[in-house]
Protein backbone atom coordinates (compact mmCIF):
# COMPACT_ATOMS: atom_id res chain seq x y z
CA UNK A 1 30.69 68.83 -37.59
CA UNK A 2 32.17 71.17 -34.82
CA UNK A 3 29.65 74.15 -34.24
CA UNK A 4 33.04 76.70 -32.87
CA UNK A 5 33.90 78.92 -36.43
CA UNK A 6 37.67 78.83 -36.64
CA UNK A 7 39.99 81.55 -35.59
CA UNK A 8 42.40 82.46 -36.93
CA UNK A 9 45.83 82.96 -34.52
CA UNK A 10 46.12 86.92 -34.50
CA UNK A 11 49.82 88.51 -32.48
CA UNK A 12 48.25 90.74 -29.83
CA UNK A 13 51.70 93.49 -30.38
CA UNK A 14 53.21 92.94 -33.48
CA UNK A 15 50.56 92.27 -36.14
CA UNK A 16 50.99 95.57 -37.66
CA UNK A 17 55.02 94.31 -38.76
CA UNK A 18 53.37 90.96 -40.86
CA UNK A 19 52.31 93.96 -44.09
CA UNK A 20 54.12 96.68 -46.04
CA UNK A 21 50.80 98.64 -45.60
CA UNK A 22 49.76 97.55 -42.05
CA UNK A 23 53.11 98.76 -41.07
CA UNK A 24 52.51 101.77 -42.87
CA UNK A 25 49.22 102.90 -41.05
CA UNK A 26 50.83 102.58 -38.34
CA UNK A 27 53.52 105.35 -39.05
CA UNK A 28 51.29 107.58 -39.95
CA UNK A 29 49.20 106.90 -36.86
CA UNK A 30 52.71 107.65 -35.02
CA UNK A 31 54.39 110.36 -36.94
CA UNK A 32 50.65 112.96 -35.53
CA UNK A 33 51.75 112.15 -31.82
CA UNK A 34 54.86 114.07 -32.83
CA UNK A 35 53.51 116.56 -34.82
CA UNK A 36 51.08 117.16 -31.27
CA UNK A 37 53.79 117.72 -29.37
CA UNK A 38 55.55 120.02 -32.29
CA UNK A 39 52.37 122.24 -31.88
CA UNK A 40 51.76 122.48 -27.91
CA UNK A 41 56.14 123.13 -28.12
CA UNK A 42 54.80 125.90 -30.52
CA UNK A 43 52.62 127.85 -28.63
CA UNK A 44 54.50 127.32 -25.72
CA UNK A 45 56.75 129.20 -27.34
CA UNK A 46 54.63 131.36 -27.48
CA UNK A 47 53.67 131.65 -24.54
CA UNK A 48 57.30 132.25 -23.29
CA UNK A 49 57.94 135.12 -26.41
CA UNK A 50 54.33 136.98 -24.19
CA UNK A 51 55.96 137.03 -21.10
CA UNK A 52 59.37 139.05 -22.20
CA UNK A 53 62.74 138.82 -24.03
CA UNK A 54 64.34 136.84 -21.44
CA UNK A 55 62.04 133.52 -20.92
CA UNK A 56 61.95 132.80 -24.95
CA UNK A 57 65.81 133.01 -24.34
CA UNK A 58 65.14 130.57 -21.99
CA UNK A 59 63.88 128.47 -24.25
CA UNK A 60 64.94 128.65 -27.25
CA UNK A 61 68.24 127.75 -25.18
CA UNK A 62 66.46 124.36 -23.60
CA UNK A 63 65.60 123.00 -27.00
CA UNK A 64 69.51 123.39 -28.61
CA UNK A 65 70.25 121.22 -25.85
CA UNK A 66 70.48 117.70 -26.55
CA UNK A 67 67.06 116.82 -26.05
CA UNK A 68 65.60 119.23 -28.02
CA UNK A 69 68.17 118.62 -30.75
CA UNK A 70 67.45 114.99 -30.67
CA UNK A 71 63.43 116.07 -30.67
CA UNK A 72 63.21 117.09 -33.91
CA UNK A 73 65.27 115.91 -35.71
CA UNK A 74 62.18 112.48 -34.76
CA UNK A 75 60.01 114.61 -36.00
CA UNK A 76 61.64 115.56 -39.27
CA UNK A 77 62.39 112.65 -39.96
CA UNK A 78 58.40 111.74 -39.42
CA UNK A 79 58.05 114.81 -41.78
CA UNK A 80 57.31 114.35 -44.30
CA UNK A 81 55.45 110.98 -43.47
CA UNK A 82 52.75 112.93 -42.46
CA UNK A 83 52.52 115.52 -45.16
CA UNK A 84 53.29 113.71 -48.39
CA UNK A 85 50.07 111.95 -50.30
CA UNK A 86 51.15 109.08 -51.81
CA UNK A 87 52.50 107.80 -47.98
CA UNK A 88 48.81 106.84 -47.00
């Protein structure tokens, strides 16, 4: 009889794809990064607003660009995952 216990092989990079609840957990964790980024973005927007209307208009113009629009779309995709209690 072997004295070493059996250790089941587990993929180190794709373990969360094997089961639905693991996938939902990882999506919820990933969504927190985007929600945190939105909070930082809003704080930066308040800072730009305190600098005056010209600085705030430049901030809004940057948000209306392609990068800002893509960020908002991805964040809106993750928002229900964070807010809906049944997704836990």
